[in-house]
Amino acid sequence: MSRAVVQLQHITKTYDGLAAVDDLSLEVFAGEFLTLLGPSGCGKTTILRLIAGFEAPDRGDIRIDDVRVNALPPNRRDVNTVFQSYALFPHMNVFDNVAFGLKLKGLQRNAVAERVRDVLEMVQLGGMETRRVTQLSGGQQQRVAFARAVVNEPLVLLLDEPLSALDYRLRKEMQLELKRLHRQLGITFIFVTHDQEEAITMSDRIIVMNQGRVEQSGSPKQIYEEPANLFVARFVGEINTFDGSVEAAGADWLTVRIHGTDFRLVNKRGFRSGDPVKVLLRPEDLQIQKTEPADGKPSLAGAVEELIYKGSTVDVIVRLTDGKPVYVTEFFNENAAYIFYERGQKVWLRWIDRWEVVLPDA
């Protein structure tokens, strides 16, 4: 494990008596692409502002490169911020926007010009030094904002939802561009978003937040496939939640009754007979059978209610016999070049063993 370049130690920040960040501790490691993910108001932007020095914590310590920075102003912290609004100077051209911080440091003109030229090439804006930022597209303005933030070679780059103002196609392009820049620069990135797909696509590690606290920290794969609780499971991607009861349990197995049918599942949390549980399955984990399985293995019966074509996939809504809707995603491939179900068609649902997540019913 690399060294921690940012440490938040029992940080609390309140506004009007309400805790935006509540006794939060967190370490961010050198060269990491860390994403703070959560709904609006969960405290993720407040954390960014605390690290940057735009806000001061009510309690706790902030350490950057193992130095306590609680009392340091923003300009004395080895971090830079890319804002959602880009915050460019409209009266300046591209060169002057990027060079602004270097000139404040008193660097010689030749050194400034060389550094600005290098970073503009890196963000694919070479040759546009004299262009006014008001003449640039949204994606180009964002590249200028990135260039201005990294030209000073900060220890940590803070990114506050910088892609949210872009259209879908450009947003996808800039996600790839950000990952490329992160690899090329080797700078620690702390990225804030409420977009789950964006977080999963870009991050080394994700911190899922809710009401000022950390709900789960882990890799994108861990967050998606092994959610720590119902909040994380429901916030990160689509998921089906089934009420169940443990009918029998062993050290590493469970028999869980779901909608009147018993399923043999994995016991990872020490459940015991009689415990109420939630069984979670992603839509893509479920499989539709058009005929009732004859192998004796359990399944859930229902009828097709709706098909939603999405290009590479088809979403199928199946209404179980007791009325519960279940969402299934099927993919077009060489084995399923054509996917179609009649509305009202009777089907049976299964999933691959061990792909379920079983959580306490709490």
Foldseek 3Di string as FASTA:
>chain_A
DADFQKWWALFWADDPPATLAGGETDTFGFLFAEEEAEDPSQNQVVVVCCLQQVDATPDTFMHGRNHTCRPPHNVPALEFEQEQVLPFDQVAFLLCRQLVVVVVVVDDPVVSVVLLQVLCVLLPNHPRRRHGLVPDDLLVSSSSSVSSRPSVPGQEYEYENNLVVDDDVSSVVVLVSVLVVSVVSSHHYYYYDHDLVSPLVRGQKYFYGGSNYTQDIDHSCCLAQPPPDDVSPPSRADKDKFKWFFQADDPFWTFIATPNDTAIATDPPPDGHGFIKIKMDHQAQKDKALDDDPPPHDWFKFFWADWDDDPQWIWTWTQTPVGDTDIHIDGCDPVPVDDDDDGGRMIIMDGDGHSMHMGGPD
